[in-house]
Amino acid sequence: MFSPPVSDAPAEVSEVTRWLLAVRDQRDRAAYARLFTHFAPRLKAMLMRAGLRAGRAEDVVQDVMLAVWHKAH
């Protein structure tokens, strides 16, 4: 279950911003899963429009999302 992050962010931030803050501040795995679900298909589609094949685009998405998790720690 997602719990609001403990931060000084204004209450009117977007849901995605709350997920980012939860990952950054609490290492919240559920929030990270939501970020992945939200951004992975969008990033893959963008990469494929730029000319990458599906398999390579998926690899890049995995690398990017893993970097997000690691940078939060």
Protein backbone atom coordinates (compact mmCIF):
# COMPACT_ATOMS: atom_id res chain seq x y z
CA MET A 1 0.00 0.00 0.00
CA PHE A 2 1.29 3.45 -0.92
CA SER A 3 1.85 5.87 1.91
CA PRO A 4 2.44 9.58 1.32
CA PRO A 5 6.09 10.56 1.43
CA VAL A 6 7.56 12.41 4.33
CA SER A 7 8.88 15.56 2.70
CA ASP A 8 8.43 19.28 2.51
CA ALA A 9 6.76 19.11 -0.92
CA PRO A 10 3.53 21.02 -1.35
CA ALA A 11 0.32 19.00 -1.06
CA GLU A 12 -0.68 19.88 -4.63
CA VAL A 13 2.11 17.89 -6.30
CA SER A 14 1.12 15.30 -8.88
CA GLU A 15 0.72 11.64 -8.13
CA VAL A 16 3.85 10.86 -10.15
CA THR A 17 5.81 13.39 -8.12
CA ARG A 18 4.58 11.73 -4.92
CA TRP A 19 5.84 8.38 -6.25
CA LEU A 20 9.23 9.91 -7.06
CA LEU A 21 9.48 11.43 -3.60
CA ALA A 22 8.47 8.15 -1.97
CA VAL A 23 11.20 6.33 -3.86
CA ARG A 24 13.75 9.01 -3.00
CA ASP A 25 12.78 9.53 0.64
CA GLN A 26 11.52 6.12 1.72
CA ARG A 27 12.92 3.68 -0.86
CA ASP A 28 9.30 2.72 -1.42
CA ARG A 29 9.19 -0.34 -3.69
CA ALA A 30 5.47 0.00 -4.41
CA ALA A 31 5.97 3.58 -5.55
CA TYR A 32 8.87 2.44 -7.73
CA ALA A 33 6.65 -0.24 -9.28
CA ARG A 34 4.07 2.44 -10.07
CA LEU A 35 6.76 4.62 -11.65
CA PHE A 36 7.96 1.68 -13.71
CA THR A 37 4.43 0.84 -14.84
CA HIS A 38 3.82 4.47 -15.74
CA PHE A 39 7.09 5.33 -17.50
CA ALA A 40 8.41 2.08 -18.99
CA PRO A 41 5.89 1.79 -21.84
CA ARG A 42 6.18 5.49 -22.64
CA LEU A 43 9.95 5.35 -22.73
CA LYS A 44 9.92 2.18 -24.84
CA ALA A 45 7.52 3.77 -27.34
CA MET A 46 9.68 6.88 -27.57
CA LEU A 47 12.81 4.80 -28.18
CA MET A 48 11.08 2.73 -30.83
CA ARG A 49 9.86 5.88 -32.61
CA ALA A 50 13.50 7.00 -32.57
CA GLY A 51 14.47 3.82 -34.42
CA LEU A 52 15.41 1.24 -31.80
CA ARG A 53 14.08 -2.27 -32.18
CA ALA A 54 11.75 -3.57 -29.49
CA GLY A 55 14.33 -5.77 -27.74
CA ARG A 56 16.94 -3.03 -27.57
CA ALA A 57 14.35 -0.49 -26.43
CA GLU A 58 13.34 -2.84 -23.59
CA ASP A 59 17.00 -3.18 -22.57
CA VAL A 60 17.39 0.60 -22.44
CA VAL A 61 14.19 0.94 -20.41
CA GLN A 62 15.46 -1.62 -17.91
CA ASP A 63 18.80 0.21 -17.64
CA VAL A 64 17.12 3.59 -17.16
CA MET A 65 14.66 2.37 -14.55
CA LEU A 66 17.39 0.53 -12.68
CA ALA A 67 19.45 3.75 -12.66
CA VAL A 68 16.46 5.57 -11.15
CA TRP A 69 16.30 3.02 -8.33
CA HIS A 70 20.06 3.11 -7.70
CA LYS A 71 20.23 6.91 -7.69
CA ALA A 72 17.51 6.97 -5.05
CA HIS A 73 19.80 5.13 -2.66
